[in-house]
C-alpha atoms as a PDB file:
ATOM      1  CA  MET A   1    -117.930 -24.309 -24.578  1.00  0.00           C
ATOM      2  CA  ARG A   2    -121.269 -22.748 -23.945  1.00  0.00           C
ATOM      3  CA  LYS A   3    -120.979 -19.146 -25.044  1.00  0.00           C
ATOM      4  CA  SER A   4    -123.979 -17.132 -26.107  1.00  0.00           C
ATOM      5  CA  GLY A   5    -122.792 -17.010 -29.699  1.00  0.00           C
ATOM      6  CA  VAL A   6    -122.924 -20.782 -29.926  1.00  0.00           C
ATOM      7  CA  ARG A   7    -126.320 -21.347 -28.377  1.00  0.00           C
ATOM      8  CA  ALA A   8    -128.068 -19.806 -31.372  1.00  0.00           C
ATOM      9  CA  GLY A   9    -127.586 -22.986 -33.369  1.00  0.00           C
ATOM     10  CA  HIS A  10    -128.196 -25.414 -30.513  1.00  0.00           C
ATOM     11  CA  ARG A  11    -131.910 -26.084 -30.778  1.00  0.00           C
ATOM     12  CA  SER A  12    -131.807 -26.703 -34.530  1.00  0.00           C
ATOM     13  CA  ALA A  13    -129.369 -29.600 -34.201  1.00  0.00           C
ATOM     14  CA  THR A  14    -131.713 -32.249 -35.557  1.00  0.00           C
ATOM     15  CA  ALA A  15    -132.677 -30.181 -38.590  1.00  0.00           C
ATOM     16  CA  LEU A  16    -129.035 -29.558 -39.355  1.00  0.00           C
ATOM     17  CA  LEU A  17    -128.071 -33.181 -38.922  1.00  0.00           C
ATOM     18  CA  THR A  18    -130.831 -34.579 -41.086  1.00  0.00           C
ATOM     19  CA  ALA A  19    -130.361 -31.951 -43.797  1.00  0.00           C
ATOM     20  CA  VAL A  20    -126.643 -32.541 -44.295  1.00  0.00           C
ATOM     21  CA  ALA A  21    -125.964 -33.767 -47.816  1.00  0.00           C
ATOM     22  CA  GLY A  22    -122.210 -33.294 -48.233  1.00  0.00           C
ATOM     23  CA  LEU A  23    -118.961 -33.217 -46.327  1.00  0.00           C
ATOM     24  CA  ALA A  24    -118.844 -29.659 -44.958  1.00  0.00           C
ATOM     25  CA  LEU A  25    -115.554 -29.646 -43.121  1.00  0.00           C
ATOM     26  CA  LEU A  26    -114.322 -26.364 -41.681  1.00  0.00           C
ATOM     27  CA  THR A  27    -113.458 -23.367 -43.829  1.00  0.00           C
ATOM     28  CA  GLY A  28    -111.488 -25.604 -46.179  1.00  0.00           C
ATOM     29  CA  CYS A  29    -114.351 -27.942 -46.978  1.00  0.00           C
ATOM     30  CA  ALA A  30    -113.978 -30.026 -50.090  1.00  0.00           C
ATOM     31  CA  LEU A  31    -117.435 -29.885 -51.670  1.00  0.00           C
ATOM     32  CA  PRO A  32    -118.467 -27.157 -54.133  1.00  0.00           C
ATOM     33  CA  ASP A  33    -121.590 -26.005 -52.275  1.00  0.00           C
ATOM     34  CA  HIS A  34    -119.463 -24.729 -49.389  1.00  0.00           C
ATOM     35  CA  ARG A  35    -116.462 -23.702 -51.442  1.00  0.00           C
ATOM     36  CA  ASP A  36    -117.841 -21.850 -54.466  1.00  0.00           C
ATOM     37  CA  ALA A  37    -120.140 -18.858 -54.127  1.00  0.00           C
ATOM     38  CA  ASP A  38    -122.262 -19.683 -57.177  1.00  0.00           C
ATOM     39  CA  ALA A  39    -122.922 -23.371 -56.429  1.00  0.00           C
ATOM     40  CA  LYS A  40    -126.556 -24.418 -55.999  1.00  0.00           C
ATOM     41  CA  PRO A  41    -127.855 -27.258 -53.794  1.00  0.00           C
ATOM     42  CA  GLY A  42    -128.089 -30.370 -55.930  1.00  0.00           C
ATOM     43  CA  GLY A  43    -126.265 -28.695 -58.800  1.00  0.00           C
ATOM     44  CA  SER A  44    -122.815 -27.601 -59.831  1.00  0.00           C
ATOM     45  CA  ALA A  45    -120.982 -24.291 -59.647  1.00  0.00           C
ATOM     46  CA  SER A  46    -121.607 -21.716 -62.345  1.00  0.00           C
ATOM     47  CA  ALA A  47    -119.243 -21.814 -65.319  1.00  0.00           C
ATOM     48  CA  THR A  48    -118.984 -18.021 -65.183  1.00  0.00           C
ATOM     49  CA  PRO A  49    -118.326 -17.066 -61.560  1.00  0.00           C
ATOM     50  CA  SER A  50    -118.936 -13.475 -60.540  1.00  0.00           C
ATOM     51  CA  PHE A  51    -115.613 -13.244 -58.741  1.00  0.00           C
ATOM     52  CA  VAL A  52    -111.987 -13.580 -59.749  1.00  0.00           C
ATOM     53  CA  PRO A  53    -110.430 -16.681 -58.140  1.00  0.00           C
ATOM     54  CA  LYS A  54    -107.313 -16.031 -56.114  1.00  0.00           C
ATOM     55  CA  ALA A  55    -104.151 -18.082 -56.308  1.00  0.00           C
ATOM     56  CA  PRO A  56    -104.505 -21.351 -54.371  1.00  0.00           C
ATOM     57  CA  VAL A  57    -103.211 -21.265 -50.826  1.00  0.00           C
ATOM     58  CA  PRO A  58    -100.052 -23.431 -50.621  1.00  0.00           C
ATOM     59  CA  SER A  59     -99.912 -26.440 -48.336  1.00  0.00           C
ATOM     60  CA  GLY A  60     -98.198 -26.115 -44.977  1.00  0.00           C
ATOM     61  CA  LYS A  61     -94.737 -27.296 -44.079  1.00  0.00           C
ATOM     62  CA  ALA A  62     -93.837 -30.661 -42.604  1.00  0.00           C
ATOM     63  CA  LEU A  63     -94.174 -30.565 -38.822  1.00  0.00           C
ATOM     64  CA  GLY A  64     -90.994 -29.996 -36.838  1.00  0.00           C
ATOM     65  CA  PRO A  65     -90.063 -31.077 -33.302  1.00  0.00           C
ATOM     66  CA  ASP A  66     -91.469 -27.868 -31.803  1.00  0.00           C
ATOM     67  CA  ALA A  67     -94.882 -28.232 -33.472  1.00  0.00           C
ATOM     68  CA  HIS A  68     -97.856 -27.992 -31.116  1.00  0.00           C
ATOM     69  CA  VAL A  69    -100.165 -30.506 -32.744  1.00  0.00           C
ATOM     70  CA  THR A  70    -102.509 -32.875 -30.956  1.00  0.00           C
ATOM     71  CA  ASP A  71    -102.607 -36.586 -31.723  1.00  0.00           C
ATOM     72  CA  PRO A  72    -105.459 -38.212 -29.770  1.00  0.00           C
ATOM     73  CA  GLY A  73    -104.116 -41.742 -30.262  1.00  0.00           C
ATOM     74  CA  GLY A  74    -105.586 -44.844 -28.654  1.00  0.00           C
ATOM     75  CA  VAL A  75    -109.146 -43.974 -29.702  1.00  0.00           C
ATOM     76  CA  LYS A  76    -111.642 -46.829 -29.663  1.00  0.00           C
ATOM     77  CA  GLY A  77    -112.944 -46.920 -33.209  1.00  0.00           C
ATOM     78  CA  THR A  78    -116.191 -48.644 -32.245  1.00  0.00           C
ATOM     79  CA  ASP A  79    -117.125 -45.673 -30.024  1.00  0.00           C
ATOM     80  CA  ALA A  80    -118.804 -43.114 -32.299  1.00  0.00           C
ATOM     81  CA  GLY A  81    -118.478 -40.314 -29.761  1.00  0.00           C
ATOM     82  CA  ALA A  82    -114.770 -40.935 -29.251  1.00  0.00           C
ATOM     83  CA  VAL A  83    -114.128 -40.892 -32.999  1.00  0.00           C
ATOM     84  CA  ALA A  84    -116.092 -37.663 -33.464  1.00  0.00           C
ATOM     85  CA  LYS A  85    -114.164 -35.942 -30.665  1.00  0.00           C
ATOM     86  CA  ALA A  86    -110.810 -37.182 -31.962  1.00  0.00           C
ATOM     87  CA  TRP A  87    -111.610 -35.788 -35.401  1.00  0.00           C
ATOM     88  CA  ALA A  88    -112.571 -32.386 -33.973  1.00  0.00           C
ATOM     89  CA  GLU A  89    -109.507 -32.183 -31.738  1.00  0.00           C
ATOM     90  CA  MET A  90    -107.217 -32.674 -34.725  1.00  0.00           C
ATOM     91  CA  ALA A  91    -109.219 -30.689 -37.271  1.00  0.00           C
ATOM     92  CA  TYR A  92    -109.203 -27.531 -35.123  1.00  0.00           C
ATOM     93  CA  ASN A  93    -105.681 -27.842 -33.730  1.00  0.00           C
ATOM     94  CA  TYR A  94    -103.617 -25.454 -35.860  1.00  0.00           C
ATOM     95  CA  ASP A  95     -99.984 -24.450 -35.649  1.00  0.00           C
ATOM     96  CA  THR A  96     -99.411 -21.384 -37.790  1.00  0.00           C
ATOM     97  CA  ALA A  97     -95.653 -21.843 -37.654  1.00  0.00           C
ATOM     98  CA  TYR A  98     -96.212 -24.824 -39.965  1.00  0.00           C
ATOM     99  CA  ASP A  99     -99.775 -24.623 -41.302  1.00  0.00           C
ATOM    100  CA  SER A 100    -100.643 -22.183 -44.080  1.00  0.00           C
ATOM    101  CA  SER A 101    -104.407 -22.463 -43.486  1.00  0.00           C
ATOM    102  CA  PRO A 102    -106.969 -24.436 -41.454  1.00  0.00           C
ATOM    103  CA  HIS A 103    -107.093 -26.987 -44.254  1.00  0.00           C
ATOM    104  CA  ASP A 104    -103.721 -28.393 -43.203  1.00  0.00           C
ATOM    105  CA  ALA A 105    -105.286 -29.483 -39.906  1.00  0.00           C
ATOM    106  CA  VAL A 106    -108.249 -30.977 -41.773  1.00  0.00           C
ATOM    107  CA  LEU A 107    -105.816 -33.119 -43.724  1.00  0.00           C
ATOM    108  CA  ARG A 108    -104.159 -34.323 -40.517  1.00  0.00           C
ATOM    109  CA  ALA A 109    -107.595 -35.376 -39.272  1.00  0.00           C
ATOM    110  CA  SER A 110    -108.391 -37.330 -42.446  1.00  0.00           C
ATOM    111  CA  ARG A 111    -107.698 -40.613 -40.693  1.00  0.00           C
ATOM    112  CA  TRP A 112    -111.099 -40.223 -39.005  1.00  0.00           C
ATOM    113  CA  LEU A 113    -112.975 -39.548 -42.270  1.00  0.00           C
ATOM    114  CA  THR A 114    -114.725 -41.934 -44.603  1.00  0.00           C
ATOM    115  CA  GLU A 115    -112.796 -42.874 -47.715  1.00  0.00           C
ATOM    116  CA  ARG A 116    -114.760 -40.470 -49.900  1.00  0.00           C
ATOM    117  CA  GLY A 117    -114.248 -37.637 -47.439  1.00  0.00           C
ATOM    118  CA  ALA A 118    -110.516 -38.227 -47.151  1.00  0.00           C
ATOM    119  CA  LYS A 119    -110.150 -38.313 -50.942  1.00  0.00           C
ATOM    120  CA  ALA A 120    -112.136 -35.118 -51.347  1.00  0.00           C
ATOM    121  CA  GLU A 121    -110.005 -33.298 -48.788  1.00  0.00           C
ATOM    122  CA  SER A 122    -106.758 -34.501 -50.351  1.00  0.00           C
ATOM    123  CA  ARG A 123    -107.832 -33.054 -53.726  1.00  0.00           C
ATOM    124  CA  TYR A 124    -109.126 -29.761 -52.391  1.00  0.00           C
ATOM    125  CA  ARG A 125    -107.000 -26.608 -52.583  1.00  0.00           C
ATOM    126  CA  PRO A 126    -108.302 -23.401 -50.939  1.00  0.00           C
ATOM    127  CA  GLU A 127    -108.681 -20.538 -53.413  1.00  0.00           C
ATOM    128  CA  SER A 128    -108.461 -17.671 -50.944  1.00  0.00           C
ATOM    129  CA  GLY A 129    -106.605 -16.674 -47.803  1.00  0.00           C
ATOM    130  CA  PRO A 130    -107.584 -18.081 -44.400  1.00  0.00           C
ATOM    131  CA  GLY A 131    -108.910 -14.785 -43.029  1.00  0.00           C
ATOM    132  CA  ASN A 132    -108.124 -12.084 -40.503  1.00  0.00           C
ATOM    133  CA  GLU A 133    -108.327 -14.306 -37.435  1.00  0.00           C
ATOM    134  CA  TRP A 134    -105.769 -16.671 -38.911  1.00  0.00           C
ATOM    135  CA  ASN A 135    -103.556 -13.736 -39.873  1.00  0.00           C
ATOM    136  CA  THR A 136    -103.592 -12.574 -36.252  1.00  0.00           C
ATOM    137  CA  TRP A 137    -102.565 -16.018 -35.053  1.00  0.00           C
ATOM    138  CA  ALA A 138     -99.859 -16.241 -37.711  1.00  0.00           C
ATOM    139  CA  LYS A 139     -98.471 -12.845 -36.697  1.00  0.00           C
ATOM    140  CA  HIS A 140     -97.688 -14.356 -33.304  1.00  0.00           C
ATOM    141  CA  HIS A 141     -96.651 -17.781 -34.700  1.00  0.00           C
ATOM    142  CA  ALA A 142     -99.484 -19.162 -32.583  1.00  0.00           C
ATOM    143  CA  TRP A 143    -100.981 -22.602 -32.206  1.00  0.00           C
ATOM    144  CA  THR A 144    -104.508 -23.402 -31.070  1.00  0.00           C
ATOM    145  CA  ALA A 145    -105.461 -25.706 -28.218  1.00  0.00           C
ATOM    146  CA  VAL A 146    -109.081 -26.855 -28.198  1.00  0.00           C
ATOM    147  CA  THR A 147    -111.431 -28.485 -25.738  1.00  0.00           C
ATOM    148  CA  VAL A 148    -114.109 -30.679 -27.293  1.00  0.00           C
ATOM    149  CA  THR A 149    -117.188 -31.684 -25.327  1.00  0.00           C
ATOM    150  CA  SER A 150    -120.291 -33.645 -26.296  1.00  0.00           C
ATOM    151  CA  GLU A 151    -123.838 -32.396 -25.950  1.00  0.00           C
ATOM    152  CA  LEU A 152    -126.914 -34.552 -25.520  1.00  0.00           C
ATOM    153  CA  GLU A 153    -129.715 -33.522 -27.847  1.00  0.00           C
ATOM    154  CA  ASP A 154    -133.184 -34.619 -26.696  1.00  0.00           C
ATOM    155  CA  ASP A 155    -134.457 -34.599 -30.268  1.00  0.00           C
ATOM    156  CA  ALA A 156    -131.338 -35.997 -31.944  1.00  0.00           C
ATOM    157  CA  PRO A 157    -131.717 -38.969 -34.313  1.00  0.00           C
ATOM    158  CA  VAL A 158    -131.316 -42.354 -32.636  1.00  0.00           C
ATOM    159  CA  ASP A 159    -128.174 -44.303 -33.569  1.00  0.00           C
ATOM    160  CA  SER A 160    -128.581 -47.311 -35.816  1.00  0.00           C
ATOM    161  CA  ASP A 161    -126.071 -50.101 -36.319  1.00  0.00           C
ATOM    162  CA  THR A 162    -124.421 -48.185 -39.157  1.00  0.00           C
ATOM    163  CA  VAL A 163    -125.261 -44.481 -38.662  1.00  0.00           C
ATOM    164  CA  ALA A 164    -124.670 -42.271 -35.617  1.00  0.00           C
ATOM    165  CA  TYR A 165    -124.903 -38.556 -34.889  1.00  0.00           C
ATOM    166  CA  ARG A 166    -122.982 -36.498 -32.357  1.00  0.00           C
ATOM    167  CA  SER A 167    -123.235 -32.857 -31.314  1.00  0.00           C
ATOM    168  CA  LEU A 168    -119.911 -31.349 -30.296  1.00  0.00           C
ATOM    169  CA  VAL A 169    -118.880 -28.049 -28.760  1.00  0.00           C
ATOM    170  CA  VAL A 170    -115.398 -26.824 -29.639  1.00  0.00           C
ATOM    171  CA  GLU A 171    -113.727 -24.048 -27.652  1.00  0.00           C
ATOM    172  CA  GLY A 172    -110.163 -23.028 -28.340  1.00  0.00           C
ATOM    173  CA  THR A 173    -107.411 -20.699 -27.226  1.00  0.00           C
ATOM    174  CA  ALA A 174    -104.557 -19.388 -29.357  1.00  0.00           C
ATOM    175  CA  HIS A 175    -101.056 -19.308 -27.849  1.00  0.00           C
ATOM    176  CA  GLY A 176     -98.344 -17.238 -29.493  1.00  0.00           C
ATOM    177  CA  ARG A 177     -94.709 -18.178 -29.366  1.00  0.00           C
ATOM    178  CA  ASP A 178     -94.056 -14.560 -28.371  1.00  0.00           C
ATOM    179  CA  GLY A 179     -96.169 -14.827 -25.218  1.00  0.00           C
ATOM    180  CA  TRP A 180     -99.389 -13.547 -26.775  1.00  0.00           C
ATOM    181  CA  SER A 181    -102.684 -15.344 -26.170  1.00  0.00           C
ATOM    182  CA  GLY A 182    -106.101 -14.919 -27.730  1.00  0.00           C
ATOM    183  CA  THR A 183    -109.328 -16.583 -28.743  1.00  0.00           C
ATOM    184  CA  GLY A 184    -109.127 -19.757 -30.806  1.00  0.00           C
ATOM    185  CA  PRO A 185    -111.787 -21.735 -32.722  1.00  0.00           C
ATOM    186  CA  ARG A 186    -115.290 -21.571 -31.201  1.00  0.00           C
ATOM    187  CA  LEU A 187    -118.168 -23.497 -32.743  1.00  0.00           C
ATOM    188  CA  ASN A 188    -120.759 -26.237 -32.651  1.00  0.00           C
ATOM    189  CA  ALA A 189    -120.144 -29.237 -34.917  1.00  0.00           C
ATOM    190  CA  TYR A 190    -122.988 -31.614 -35.765  1.00  0.00           C
ATOM    191  CA  VAL A 191    -121.312 -34.801 -36.929  1.00  0.00           C
ATOM    192  CA  LYS A 192    -122.687 -37.771 -38.849  1.00  0.00           C
ATOM    193  CA  LEU A 193    -120.672 -40.989 -38.575  1.00  0.00           C
ATOM    194  CA  VAL A 194    -121.090 -44.186 -40.565  1.00  0.00           C
ATOM    195  CA  ARG A 195    -119.736 -47.713 -40.678  1.00  0.00           C
ATOM    196  CA  SER A 196    -120.399 -50.663 -42.949  1.00  0.00           C
ATOM    197  CA  THR A 197    -121.415 -53.113 -40.241  1.00  0.00           C
ATOM    198  CA  VAL A 198    -121.440 -53.689 -36.483  1.00  0.00           C
ATOM    199  CA  GLY A 199    -117.917 -54.094 -35.122  1.00  0.00           C
ATOM    200  CA  GLU A 200    -116.309 -51.961 -37.833  1.00  0.00           C
ATOM    201  CA  PRO A 201    -114.785 -48.599 -36.808  1.00  0.00           C
ATOM    202  CA  TRP A 202    -116.900 -45.460 -37.121  1.00  0.00           C
ATOM    203  CA  ARG A 203    -115.806 -42.753 -39.529  1.00  0.00           C
ATOM    204  CA  VAL A 204    -116.915 -39.134 -39.926  1.00  0.00           C
ATOM    205  CA  ASP A 205    -119.030 -38.787 -43.064  1.00  0.00           C
ATOM    206  CA  ASP A 206    -120.739 -35.382 -42.775  1.00  0.00           C
ATOM    207  CA  VAL A 207    -120.289 -32.299 -40.598  1.00  0.00           C
ATOM    208  CA  THR A 208    -122.381 -29.154 -40.217  1.00  0.00           C
ATOM    209  CA  VAL A 209    -120.616 -26.324 -38.397  1.00  0.00           C
ATOM    210  CA  VAL A 210    -122.203 -23.360 -36.614  1.00  0.00           C
ATOM    211  CA  GLU A 211    -119.507 -20.810 -35.861  1.00  0.00           C
ATOM    212  CA  ALA A 212    -119.622 -18.764 -32.662  1.00  0.00           C
ATOM    213  CA  VAL A 213    -119.152 -15.017 -32.645  1.00  0.00           C
ATOM    214  CA  ALA A 214    -115.749 -14.685 -31.031  1.00  0.00           C
ATOM    215  CA  PRO A 215    -114.777 -11.570 -29.061  1.00  0.00           C
ATOM    216  CA  PRO A 216    -111.777  -9.591 -30.333  1.00  0.00           C
ATOM    217  CA  SER A 217    -108.468 -11.177 -29.329  1.00  0.00           C
ATOM    218  CA  ARG A 218    -106.605  -9.311 -26.602  1.00  0.00           C
ATOM    219  CA  ASP A 219    -102.845  -8.975 -27.008  1.00  0.00           C
ATOM    220  CA  THR A 220    -101.617  -9.995 -23.578  1.00  0.00           C
ATOM    221  CA  SER A 221     -97.991  -9.612 -24.579  1.00  0.00           C
ATOM    222  CA  SER A 222     -98.258  -5.824 -24.867  1.00  0.00           C
ATOM    223  CA  ALA A 223    -101.300  -4.930 -22.753  1.00  0.00           C
ATOM    224  CA  PRO A 224    -100.704  -1.730 -20.730  1.00  0.00           C
ATOM    225  CA  THR A 225    -100.320  -2.027 -16.998  1.00  0.00           C
ATOM    226  CA  ASP A 226    -102.866  -0.127 -14.948  1.00  0.00           C
ATOM    227  CA  SER A 227    -101.274   2.575 -12.792  1.00  0.00           C
ATOM    228  CA  PRO A 228    -102.576   3.668  -9.396  1.00  0.00           C
ATOM    229  CA  SER A 229    -105.134   6.455  -9.560  1.00  0.00           C
ATOM    230  CA  ASP A 230    -103.815   9.934  -8.816  1.00  0.00           C
ATOM    231  CA  THR A 231    -105.886  11.086  -5.874  1.00  0.00           C
ATOM    232  CA  SER A 232    -103.867  14.210  -5.158  1.00  0.00           C
ATOM    233  CA  GLY A 233    -105.906  17.293  -4.599  1.00  0.00           C
ATOM    234  CA  GLN A 234    -109.044  15.336  -3.782  1.00  0.00           C
END
C-alpha cells in the first residue's frame, strides 16, 4: 500500500523505531501508555481517571469452518522479514462473524511475539468498543483480507545478530458475507524483532503503527445503478 495517508509517517521511520519503548500492538495494545488516556511515558496511569471506564469487550467466539482467517504457516523463523510479515498478516486479518474486536486477531498472532508480549496480550481486555469502522464491518459480517509489503528505509537501523527492524505497509479490504465490500486496515507498521542468539527464531518485540486516513467505505451491495441520461428535448 502506498496511499497518500500513509506516506506522512514514512520519513520518520527511524525516529519511530528507535523511540519505541513498549509493545504497541494495534488498537488493543497491552501496555498502559497506549491503552489508558492518563498514562504518562515512563510512569503509570492516573489513579483517578477523567473518564468512566466502559464494560470490557468480550472475547470472540471459537473459529468455525466458514471462518476467513489467514494462517501463514511454513514461515522461516530465522528470517526477520518473514516473521514480521506473518505477524502483520494475522494481526490484521479479522472475521467479524467470530471476532468481537481487533484484539482477537492480535491474540491469534501471539505466536510471533516475544514471551513478554504474548503474556501482556493474553492479560489485556479492551475497555471500550472497537469503533465505527469495525461496526460497519460487523454489520455485514465481514472479514478483512490484507496485503503486507516491506519497505526499505535508507536510514533504518542496521540489523545486529539479535535485533532487527522492519518497515511494513498493510493494505486491506473488507468483504461482507452479504456481498458488500469496503476498505479494510490501512497503515504503516514499524516492527522491532529480537532473538536471544544467532540461529534462534526472531520474534516481534515492539511495534509502532501509523494509521492511514481511509476513505469512506462504499456499500457495493446496494449502490444505485446509473441510468442513461435523458436527452429528449435537447
